[in-house]
Amino acid sequence: MDSPADSTASNRPVDPRDRDDEGRARNARPRDGLGRPLPYGAEGVPRQPEGVVRAPDETVVEAQRLLDEGKPFHAHEVFEDAWKSGPEEERELWRGLAQLAVGLTHAARGNVTGGARLLRRGAGAVTQWAASEHGRERPYGMDLAAAAGWARELAREVEGGAPVDAGARAPRLRG
């Protein structure tokens, strides 16, 4: 007889990596403010629920709150929700902002290469979106030029070996 660790009632092997019924990762481990997994049972920070549809202004406010709290990984999830649920013409804007948040996450974790690369990629994406036919310089009150400048400067500092405190280095999205 199979043990519960070997199969399910449908005789499928059990995946020990916290997967949902469709096989997508749903890691239930607690996480720290930078999204790093902690041991099961450890005290983590509350996770952002996935798939939340917010108005654009609510997205900006919530993401800024998380950035200010030193939780750029969680801010990235808020931007990702907007990217996936928003209008097609704004997807690149929200994706670029998510890349900025992930770049800050990696920089704060000490990942110099990944942090700098994502900061620059996000800066390029929001700059390109602002210059596109659908774009504008200050969507929802955000200063995209300032956000791109912040990201490029931080990328240079990270590559120069400067440690990054995510909360202290959070961008001001609305200038």
N, C-alpha and C. Protein backbone atom coordinates (compact mmCIF):
# COMPACT_ATOMS: atom_id res chain seq x y z
N MET A 1 0.85 -1.18 0.00
CA MET A 1 0.00 0.00 0.00
C MET A 1 0.89 1.24 0.00
N ASP A 2 0.51 2.22 -0.83
CA ASP A 2 1.27 3.47 -0.90
C ASP A 2 1.05 4.30 0.35
N SER A 3 2.10 4.98 0.79
CA SER A 3 1.95 5.91 1.90
C SER A 3 1.44 7.23 1.35
N PRO A 4 0.87 8.12 2.20
CA PRO A 4 0.38 9.41 1.71
C PRO A 4 1.48 10.23 1.05
N ALA A 5 2.72 10.04 1.43
CA ALA A 5 3.81 10.80 0.82
C ALA A 5 4.10 10.32 -0.59
N ASP A 6 3.63 9.11 -0.94
CA ASP A 6 3.93 8.54 -2.24
C ASP A 6 2.87 8.81 -3.30
N SER A 7 1.62 8.97 -2.90
CA SER A 7 0.57 9.16 -3.89
C SER A 7 -0.64 9.81 -3.26
N THR A 8 -1.56 10.21 -4.12
CA THR A 8 -2.82 10.78 -3.67
C THR A 8 -3.90 9.75 -3.90
N ALA A 9 -5.11 10.14 -3.56
CA ALA A 9 -6.23 9.23 -3.76
C ALA A 9 -6.37 8.87 -5.23
N SER A 10 -5.95 9.75 -6.13
CA SER A 10 -6.06 9.45 -7.56
C SER A 10 -4.83 8.71 -8.07
N ASN A 11 -3.98 8.28 -7.15
CA ASN A 11 -2.76 7.54 -7.47
C ASN A 11 -1.71 8.37 -8.21
N ARG A 12 -1.84 9.71 -8.14
CA ARG A 12 -0.79 10.58 -8.69
C ARG A 12 0.27 10.77 -7.62
N PRO A 13 1.51 10.90 -8.02
CA PRO A 13 2.56 11.18 -7.02
C PRO A 13 2.32 12.53 -6.36
N VAL A 14 2.60 12.62 -5.09
CA VAL A 14 2.48 13.88 -4.37
C VAL A 14 3.70 14.73 -4.67
N ASP A 15 3.45 15.98 -5.01
CA ASP A 15 4.55 16.92 -5.28
C ASP A 15 4.86 17.64 -3.98
N PRO A 16 6.05 17.48 -3.42
CA PRO A 16 6.38 18.09 -2.13
C PRO A 16 6.66 19.59 -2.24
N ARG A 17 6.47 20.19 -3.42
CA ARG A 17 6.84 21.59 -3.61
C ARG A 17 5.66 22.53 -3.55
N ASP A 18 4.62 22.26 -2.79
CA ASP A 18 3.48 23.16 -2.64
C ASP A 18 2.91 23.60 -3.99
N ARG A 19 2.27 22.68 -4.69
CA ARG A 19 1.67 22.96 -5.99
C ARG A 19 0.16 22.92 -5.88
N ASP A 20 -0.53 23.71 -6.72
CA ASP A 20 -1.98 23.64 -6.73
C ASP A 20 -2.42 22.50 -7.65
N ASP A 21 -3.71 22.34 -7.84
CA ASP A 21 -4.23 21.23 -8.62
C ASP A 21 -3.78 21.25 -10.08
N GLU A 22 -3.44 22.45 -10.59
CA GLU A 22 -2.96 22.56 -11.97
C GLU A 22 -1.44 22.42 -12.06
N GLY A 23 -0.77 22.22 -10.93
CA GLY A 23 0.68 22.05 -10.93
C GLY A 23 1.48 23.33 -10.79
N ARG A 24 0.78 24.49 -10.64
CA ARG A 24 1.49 25.76 -10.47
C ARG A 24 2.02 25.88 -9.05
N ALA A 25 3.18 26.50 -8.94
CA ALA A 25 3.80 26.69 -7.63
C ALA A 25 2.92 27.56 -6.75
N ARG A 26 2.68 27.12 -5.57
CA ARG A 26 1.93 27.86 -4.55
C ARG A 26 2.65 27.66 -3.23
N ASN A 27 3.86 28.17 -3.17
CA ASN A 27 4.69 27.94 -2.01
C ASN A 27 4.03 28.53 -0.77
N ALA A 28 3.73 27.67 0.19
CA ALA A 28 3.06 28.08 1.41
C ALA A 28 4.03 28.47 2.51
N ARG A 29 5.33 28.39 2.25
CA ARG A 29 6.29 28.77 3.28
C ARG A 29 6.17 30.25 3.59
N PRO A 30 6.39 30.61 4.85
CA PRO A 30 6.38 32.04 5.18
C PRO A 30 7.56 32.72 4.50
N ARG A 31 7.44 34.03 4.27
CA ARG A 31 8.50 34.78 3.61
C ARG A 31 8.83 36.03 4.42
N ASP A 32 10.07 36.50 4.22
CA ASP A 32 10.46 37.75 4.86
C ASP A 32 10.03 38.92 3.99
N GLY A 33 10.37 40.13 4.39
CA GLY A 33 9.96 41.31 3.67
C GLY A 33 10.53 41.42 2.28
N LEU A 34 11.60 40.70 1.99
CA LEU A 34 12.19 40.69 0.65
C LEU A 34 11.76 39.47 -0.15
N GLY A 35 10.77 38.74 0.37
CA GLY A 35 10.23 37.60 -0.36
C GLY A 35 11.01 36.32 -0.25
N ARG A 36 12.05 36.32 0.60
CA ARG A 36 12.85 35.10 0.75
C ARG A 36 12.08 34.11 1.60
N PRO A 37 12.06 32.84 1.17
CA PRO A 37 11.35 31.83 1.96
C PRO A 37 12.04 31.61 3.31
N LEU A 38 11.21 31.48 4.33
CA LEU A 38 11.67 31.17 5.68
C LEU A 38 11.30 29.72 5.98
N PRO A 39 11.88 29.12 7.01
CA PRO A 39 11.48 27.75 7.36
C PRO A 39 9.99 27.67 7.72
N TYR A 40 9.38 26.55 7.41
CA TYR A 40 8.00 26.34 7.81
C TYR A 40 7.87 26.58 9.30
N GLY A 41 6.81 27.25 9.71
CA GLY A 41 6.57 27.53 11.12
C GLY A 41 7.19 28.83 11.59
N ALA A 42 8.07 29.43 10.80
CA ALA A 42 8.70 30.70 11.19
C ALA A 42 7.69 31.83 11.01
N GLU A 43 7.93 32.91 11.72
CA GLU A 43 7.09 34.10 11.59
C GLU A 43 7.52 34.86 10.35
N GLY A 44 6.63 35.03 9.41
CA GLY A 44 6.93 35.78 8.19
C GLY A 44 6.06 37.02 8.12
N VAL A 45 6.17 37.74 7.03
CA VAL A 45 5.31 38.89 6.81
C VAL A 45 4.10 38.42 6.01
N PRO A 46 2.97 39.07 6.18
CA PRO A 46 1.79 38.65 5.40
C PRO A 46 2.05 38.74 3.91
N ARG A 47 1.60 37.74 3.20
CA ARG A 47 1.78 37.70 1.75
C ARG A 47 0.69 38.54 1.10
N GLN A 48 1.00 39.03 -0.08
CA GLN A 48 0.01 39.75 -0.88
C GLN A 48 -0.88 38.71 -1.55
N PRO A 49 -2.19 38.89 -1.43
CA PRO A 49 -3.05 37.96 -2.16
C PRO A 49 -2.85 38.16 -3.66
N GLU A 50 -2.93 37.07 -4.40
CA GLU A 50 -2.72 37.13 -5.85
C GLU A 50 -4.04 37.37 -6.57
N GLY A 51 -3.95 38.04 -7.70
CA GLY A 51 -5.12 38.22 -8.56
C GLY A 51 -6.07 39.30 -8.11
N VAL A 52 -5.62 40.22 -7.27
CA VAL A 52 -6.49 41.30 -6.81
C VAL A 52 -6.59 42.36 -7.91
N VAL A 53 -7.80 42.72 -8.24
CA VAL A 53 -8.03 43.76 -9.23
C VAL A 53 -8.27 45.06 -8.47
N ARG A 54 -7.37 46.02 -8.68
CA ARG A 54 -7.46 47.32 -8.02
C ARG A 54 -7.59 48.40 -9.09
N ALA A 55 -8.14 49.53 -8.70
CA ALA A 55 -8.10 50.70 -9.57
C ALA A 55 -6.64 51.13 -9.66
N PRO A 56 -6.22 51.75 -10.75
CA PRO A 56 -4.82 52.16 -10.89
C PRO A 56 -4.31 53.00 -9.72
N ASP A 57 -5.10 53.96 -9.25
CA ASP A 57 -4.65 54.78 -8.12
C ASP A 57 -4.46 53.93 -6.87
N GLU A 58 -5.32 52.94 -6.66
CA GLU A 58 -5.16 52.04 -5.51
C GLU A 58 -3.88 51.21 -5.66
N THR A 59 -3.57 50.80 -6.86
CA THR A 59 -2.34 50.05 -7.12
C THR A 59 -1.13 50.88 -6.74
N VAL A 60 -1.10 52.13 -7.16
CA VAL A 60 0.03 53.01 -6.86
C VAL A 60 0.17 53.21 -5.36
N VAL A 61 -0.94 53.48 -4.68
CA VAL A 61 -0.89 53.72 -3.23
C VAL A 61 -0.42 52.47 -2.49
N GLU A 62 -0.96 51.32 -2.83
CA GLU A 62 -0.58 50.08 -2.14
C GLU A 62 0.87 49.72 -2.42
N ALA A 63 1.30 49.84 -3.66
CA ALA A 63 2.69 49.53 -3.99
C ALA A 63 3.65 50.49 -3.27
N GLN A 64 3.31 51.77 -3.23
CA GLN A 64 4.17 52.73 -2.55
C GLN A 64 4.27 52.42 -1.06
N ARG A 65 3.14 52.03 -0.45
CA ARG A 65 3.15 51.66 0.97
C ARG A 65 4.12 50.51 1.21
N LEU A 66 4.04 49.50 0.37
CA LEU A 66 4.92 48.33 0.52
C LEU A 66 6.38 48.69 0.27
N LEU A 67 6.63 49.51 -0.73
CA LEU A 67 8.00 49.95 -0.99
C LEU A 67 8.55 50.71 0.21
N ASP A 68 7.76 51.61 0.76
CA ASP A 68 8.19 52.40 1.92
C ASP A 68 8.47 51.53 3.14
N GLU A 69 7.76 50.41 3.24
CA GLU A 69 7.96 49.48 4.35
C GLU A 69 9.13 48.53 4.10
N GLY A 70 9.83 48.69 2.99
CA GLY A 70 10.96 47.81 2.68
C GLY A 70 10.52 46.45 2.18
N LYS A 71 9.39 46.40 1.50
CA LYS A 71 8.84 45.15 0.97
C LYS A 71 8.66 45.23 -0.54
N PRO A 72 9.75 45.42 -1.27
CA PRO A 72 9.60 45.56 -2.72
C PRO A 72 9.11 44.30 -3.41
N PHE A 73 9.40 43.13 -2.85
CA PHE A 73 8.90 41.89 -3.43
C PHE A 73 7.37 41.90 -3.44
N HIS A 74 6.80 42.36 -2.36
CA HIS A 74 5.35 42.41 -2.23
C HIS A 74 4.76 43.50 -3.13
N ALA A 75 5.48 44.63 -3.27
CA ALA A 75 5.05 45.68 -4.18
C ALA A 75 5.03 45.15 -5.62
N HIS A 76 6.02 44.34 -5.95
CA HIS A 76 6.07 43.73 -7.29
C HIS A 76 4.81 42.92 -7.55
N GLU A 77 4.31 42.21 -6.53
CA GLU A 77 3.10 41.41 -6.72
C GLU A 77 1.89 42.29 -6.98
N VAL A 78 1.83 43.46 -6.35
CA VAL A 78 0.74 44.40 -6.59
C VAL A 78 0.81 44.91 -8.03
N PHE A 79 2.00 45.28 -8.48
CA PHE A 79 2.16 45.72 -9.87
C PHE A 79 1.84 44.58 -10.84
N GLU A 80 2.20 43.37 -10.48
CA GLU A 80 1.92 42.22 -11.35
C GLU A 80 0.41 42.03 -11.51
N ASP A 81 -0.34 42.21 -10.44
CA ASP A 81 -1.80 42.12 -10.55
C ASP A 81 -2.34 43.15 -11.54
N ALA A 82 -1.81 44.39 -11.47
CA ALA A 82 -2.26 45.43 -12.39
C ALA A 82 -1.88 45.08 -13.83
N TRP A 83 -0.69 44.55 -13.99
CA TRP A 83 -0.19 44.17 -15.32
C TRP A 83 -1.09 43.10 -15.92
N LYS A 84 -1.51 42.14 -15.11
CA LYS A 84 -2.30 41.02 -15.62
C LYS A 84 -3.78 41.34 -15.78
N SER A 85 -4.30 42.32 -15.00
CA SER A 85 -5.73 42.59 -15.04
C SER A 85 -6.08 43.90 -15.72
N GLY A 86 -5.09 44.75 -15.97
CA GLY A 86 -5.36 46.06 -16.54
C GLY A 86 -5.56 46.03 -18.04
N PRO A 87 -5.85 47.20 -18.58
CA PRO A 87 -6.04 47.27 -20.03
C PRO A 87 -4.75 46.95 -20.78
N GLU A 88 -4.90 46.38 -21.93
CA GLU A 88 -3.76 45.95 -22.75
C GLU A 88 -2.75 47.08 -22.95
N GLU A 89 -3.23 48.29 -23.20
CA GLU A 89 -2.31 49.39 -23.49
C GLU A 89 -1.49 49.83 -22.27
N GLU A 90 -1.83 49.34 -21.08
CA GLU A 90 -1.05 49.69 -19.88
C GLU A 90 -0.20 48.55 -19.36
N ARG A 91 -0.26 47.41 -19.97
CA ARG A 91 0.46 46.25 -19.46
C ARG A 91 1.96 46.49 -19.36
N GLU A 92 2.55 47.14 -20.34
CA GLU A 92 3.99 47.38 -20.31
C GLU A 92 4.37 48.36 -19.20
N LEU A 93 3.50 49.30 -18.90
CA LEU A 93 3.73 50.23 -17.78
C LEU A 93 3.84 49.44 -16.48
N TRP A 94 2.84 48.63 -16.19
CA TRP A 94 2.80 47.90 -14.92
C TRP A 94 3.89 46.84 -14.86
N ARG A 95 4.18 46.25 -16.00
CA ARG A 95 5.27 45.26 -16.02
C ARG A 95 6.61 45.94 -15.74
N GLY A 96 6.83 47.10 -16.32
CA GLY A 96 8.05 47.85 -16.05
C GLY A 96 8.17 48.23 -14.58
N LEU A 97 7.07 48.65 -13.97
CA LEU A 97 7.09 49.00 -12.55
C LEU A 97 7.36 47.76 -11.70
N ALA A 98 6.80 46.61 -12.09
CA ALA A 98 7.07 45.36 -11.38
C ALA A 98 8.56 45.02 -11.48
N GLN A 99 9.16 45.26 -12.64
CA GLN A 99 10.60 44.99 -12.80
C GLN A 99 11.43 45.91 -11.90
N LEU A 100 11.01 47.17 -11.75
CA LEU A 100 11.72 48.07 -10.84
C LEU A 100 11.68 47.52 -9.41
N ALA A 101 10.50 47.06 -8.99
CA ALA A 101 10.36 46.52 -7.63
C ALA A 101 11.18 45.24 -7.45
N VAL A 102 11.19 44.38 -8.45
CA VAL A 102 11.99 43.15 -8.36
C VAL A 102 13.48 43.49 -8.39
N GLY A 103 13.86 44.48 -9.17
CA GLY A 103 15.25 44.92 -9.18
C GLY A 103 15.69 45.40 -7.81
N LEU A 104 14.85 46.18 -7.14
CA LEU A 104 15.15 46.63 -5.78
C LEU A 104 15.22 45.43 -4.84
N THR A 105 14.34 44.47 -5.03
CA THR A 105 14.36 43.25 -4.21
C THR A 105 15.71 42.54 -4.35
N HIS A 106 16.13 42.30 -5.56
CA HIS A 106 17.39 41.60 -5.78
C HIS A 106 18.58 42.40 -5.26
N ALA A 107 18.55 43.71 -5.47
CA ALA A 107 19.64 44.56 -4.97
C ALA A 107 19.72 44.47 -3.45
N ALA A 108 18.57 44.52 -2.77
CA ALA A 108 18.55 44.45 -1.31
C ALA A 108 18.98 43.07 -0.81
N ARG A 109 18.76 42.04 -1.60
CA ARG A 109 19.20 40.69 -1.24
C ARG A 109 20.69 40.48 -1.50
N GLY A 110 21.33 41.45 -2.15
CA GLY A 110 22.76 41.34 -2.45
C GLY A 110 23.06 40.74 -3.81
N ASN A 111 22.06 40.55 -4.63
CA ASN A 111 22.25 40.02 -5.98
C ASN A 111 22.58 41.20 -6.90
N VAL A 112 23.85 41.50 -7.03
CA VAL A 112 24.31 42.67 -7.78
C VAL A 112 23.90 42.59 -9.24
N THR A 113 24.22 41.49 -9.89
CA THR A 113 23.95 41.36 -11.33
C THR A 113 22.46 41.40 -11.62
N GLY A 114 21.69 40.58 -10.93
CA GLY A 114 20.25 40.54 -11.17
C GLY A 114 19.57 41.84 -10.79
N GLY A 115 19.98 42.44 -9.68
CA GLY A 115 19.38 43.70 -9.26
C GLY A 115 19.61 44.80 -10.27
N ALA A 116 20.86 44.99 -10.68
CA ALA A 116 21.18 46.04 -11.65
C ALA A 116 20.49 45.79 -12.98
N ARG A 117 20.47 44.55 -13.44
CA ARG A 117 19.84 44.22 -14.73
C ARG A 117 18.35 44.54 -14.70
N LEU A 118 17.66 44.14 -13.63
CA LEU A 118 16.22 44.37 -13.56
C LEU A 118 15.88 45.84 -13.35
N LEU A 119 16.70 46.55 -12.60
CA LEU A 119 16.49 47.98 -12.44
C LEU A 119 16.58 48.69 -13.79
N ARG A 120 17.58 48.34 -14.57
CA ARG A 120 17.74 48.96 -15.89
C ARG A 120 16.63 48.54 -16.85
N ARG A 121 16.26 47.27 -16.79
CA ARG A 121 15.18 46.78 -17.67
C ARG A 121 13.87 47.50 -17.34
N GLY A 122 13.58 47.63 -16.05
CA GLY A 122 12.37 48.34 -15.65
C GLY A 122 12.41 49.81 -16.05
N ALA A 123 13.57 50.45 -15.87
CA ALA A 123 13.72 51.85 -16.27
C ALA A 123 13.47 52.01 -17.77
N GLY A 124 14.02 51.10 -18.55
CA GLY A 124 13.81 51.15 -19.99
C GLY A 124 12.35 50.94 -20.36
N ALA A 125 11.69 50.03 -19.66
CA ALA A 125 10.29 49.72 -19.96
C ALA A 125 9.38 50.90 -19.65
N VAL A 126 9.54 51.54 -18.49
CA VAL A 126 8.65 52.68 -18.17
C VAL A 126 8.96 53.87 -19.07
N THR A 127 10.24 54.06 -19.43
CA THR A 127 10.60 55.14 -20.35
C THR A 127 10.00 54.90 -21.72
N GLN A 128 10.11 53.66 -22.20
CA GLN A 128 9.56 53.31 -23.50
C GLN A 128 8.04 53.45 -23.49
N TRP A 129 7.39 53.02 -22.41
CA TRP A 129 5.94 53.14 -22.34
C TRP A 129 5.52 54.60 -22.37
N ALA A 130 6.22 55.46 -21.62
CA ALA A 130 5.88 56.89 -21.58
C ALA A 130 5.99 57.51 -22.97
N ALA A 131 6.91 57.01 -23.78
CA ALA A 131 7.12 57.55 -25.13
C ALA A 131 6.20 56.91 -26.17
N SER A 132 5.46 55.88 -25.79
CA SER A 132 4.61 55.17 -26.75
C SER A 132 3.34 55.97 -27.05
N GLU A 133 2.58 55.50 -28.02
CA GLU A 133 1.34 56.19 -28.40
C GLU A 133 0.31 56.20 -27.27
N HIS A 134 0.34 55.22 -26.39
CA HIS A 134 -0.62 55.16 -25.28
C HIS A 134 -0.06 55.79 -24.02
N GLY A 135 1.25 55.98 -23.99
CA GLY A 135 1.92 56.41 -22.78
C GLY A 135 1.80 57.89 -22.50
N ARG A 136 2.23 58.23 -21.30
CA ARG A 136 2.33 59.61 -20.87
C ARG A 136 3.34 59.67 -19.74
N GLU A 137 3.87 60.83 -19.50
CA GLU A 137 4.96 61.01 -18.54
C GLU A 137 4.52 60.79 -17.09
N ARG A 138 3.29 61.15 -16.74
CA ARG A 138 2.83 61.07 -15.35
C ARG A 138 1.49 60.31 -15.23
N PRO A 139 1.46 59.04 -15.61
CA PRO A 139 0.21 58.29 -15.47
C PRO A 139 -0.14 58.10 -13.99
N TYR A 140 -1.38 58.38 -13.65
CA TYR A 140 -1.87 58.21 -12.29
C TYR A 140 -1.01 58.97 -11.28
N GLY A 141 -0.45 60.09 -11.74
CA GLY A 141 0.36 60.94 -10.89
C GLY A 141 1.79 60.47 -10.69
N MET A 142 2.17 59.34 -11.30
CA MET A 142 3.54 58.84 -11.14
C MET A 142 4.48 59.60 -12.06
N ASP A 143 5.66 59.88 -11.56
CA ASP A 143 6.70 60.55 -12.34
C ASP A 143 7.62 59.46 -12.90
N LEU A 144 7.33 59.02 -14.12
CA LEU A 144 8.09 57.91 -14.71
C LEU A 144 9.53 58.29 -15.00
N ALA A 145 9.77 59.53 -15.39
CA ALA A 145 11.16 59.94 -15.64
C ALA A 145 11.97 59.87 -14.35
N ALA A 146 11.39 60.31 -13.25
CA ALA A 146 12.10 60.25 -11.96
C ALA A 146 12.30 58.80 -11.53
N ALA A 147 11.30 57.95 -11.74
CA ALA A 147 11.43 56.54 -11.37
C ALA A 147 12.54 55.87 -12.18
N ALA A 148 12.60 56.18 -13.48
CA ALA A 148 13.65 55.61 -14.33
C ALA A 148 15.02 56.12 -13.90
N GLY A 149 15.12 57.40 -13.58
CA GLY A 149 16.39 57.96 -13.11
C GLY A 149 16.83 57.33 -11.79
N TRP A 150 15.87 57.14 -10.88
CA TRP A 150 16.16 56.48 -9.60
C TRP A 150 16.74 55.08 -9.86
N ALA A 151 16.09 54.34 -10.75
CA ALA A 151 16.51 52.95 -11.01
C ALA A 151 17.91 52.90 -11.62
N ARG A 152 18.18 53.76 -12.57
CA ARG A 152 19.51 53.75 -13.21
C ARG A 152 20.60 54.13 -12.21
N GLU A 153 20.33 55.12 -11.36
CA GLU A 153 21.30 55.52 -10.34
C GLU A 153 21.53 54.39 -9.34
N LEU A 154 20.45 53.76 -8.89
CA LEU A 154 20.60 52.65 -7.95
C LEU A 154 21.37 51.50 -8.58
N ALA A 155 21.13 51.22 -9.85
CA ALA A 155 21.87 50.15 -10.54
C ALA A 155 23.37 50.45 -10.52
N ARG A 156 23.75 51.70 -10.77
CA ARG A 156 25.17 52.07 -10.72
C ARG A 156 25.74 51.87 -9.32
N GLU A 157 24.99 52.28 -8.30
CA GLU A 157 25.45 52.13 -6.92
C GLU A 157 25.62 50.67 -6.54
N VAL A 158 24.64 49.85 -6.94
CA VAL A 158 24.69 48.41 -6.64
C VAL A 158 25.92 47.79 -7.28
N GLU A 159 26.16 48.13 -8.53
CA GLU A 159 27.33 47.58 -9.21
C GLU A 159 28.64 48.07 -8.58
N GLY A 160 28.58 49.22 -7.92
CA GLY A 160 29.76 49.73 -7.23
C GLY A 160 29.97 49.11 -5.86
N GLY A 161 29.09 48.21 -5.48
CA GLY A 161 29.25 47.48 -4.22
C GLY A 161 28.50 48.05 -3.04
N ALA A 162 27.67 49.06 -3.25
CA ALA A 162 26.92 49.66 -2.15
C ALA A 162 25.83 48.71 -1.67
N PRO A 163 25.74 48.47 -0.35
CA PRO A 163 24.63 47.67 0.16
C PRO A 163 23.33 48.47 0.02
N VAL A 164 22.22 47.78 -0.10
CA VAL A 164 20.94 48.44 -0.32
C VAL A 164 19.97 48.08 0.78
N ASP A 165 19.45 49.10 1.45
CA ASP A 165 18.34 48.96 2.39
C ASP A 165 17.08 49.28 1.59
N ALA A 166 16.24 48.28 1.38
CA ALA A 166 15.09 48.44 0.48
C ALA A 166 14.16 49.57 0.92
N GLY A 167 13.88 49.69 2.20
CA GLY A 167 12.99 50.76 2.66
C GLY A 167 13.60 52.13 2.50
N ALA A 168 14.88 52.26 2.82
CA ALA A 168 15.55 53.55 2.73
C ALA A 168 15.74 53.98 1.27
N ARG A 169 15.82 53.04 0.35
CA ARG A 169 16.08 53.35 -1.06
C ARG A 169 14.83 53.23 -1.93
N ALA A 170 13.66 53.13 -1.31
CA ALA A 170 12.42 53.00 -2.08
C ALA A 170 12.21 54.23 -2.94
N PRO A 171 11.75 54.04 -4.17
CA PRO A 171 11.46 55.19 -5.03
C PRO A 171 10.20 55.91 -4.57
N ARG A 172 10.10 57.18 -4.91
CA ARG A 172 8.87 57.95 -4.71
C ARG A 172 8.15 57.95 -6.06
N LEU A 173 7.11 57.15 -6.18
CA LEU A 173 6.44 57.00 -7.45
C LEU A 173 5.75 58.28 -7.91
N ARG A 174 5.28 59.03 -6.96
CA ARG A 174 4.58 60.27 -7.30
C ARG A 174 5.42 61.50 -7.00
N GLY A 175 6.73 61.32 -7.06
CA GLY A 175 7.65 62.44 -6.91
C GLY A 175 7.71 63.05 -5.62
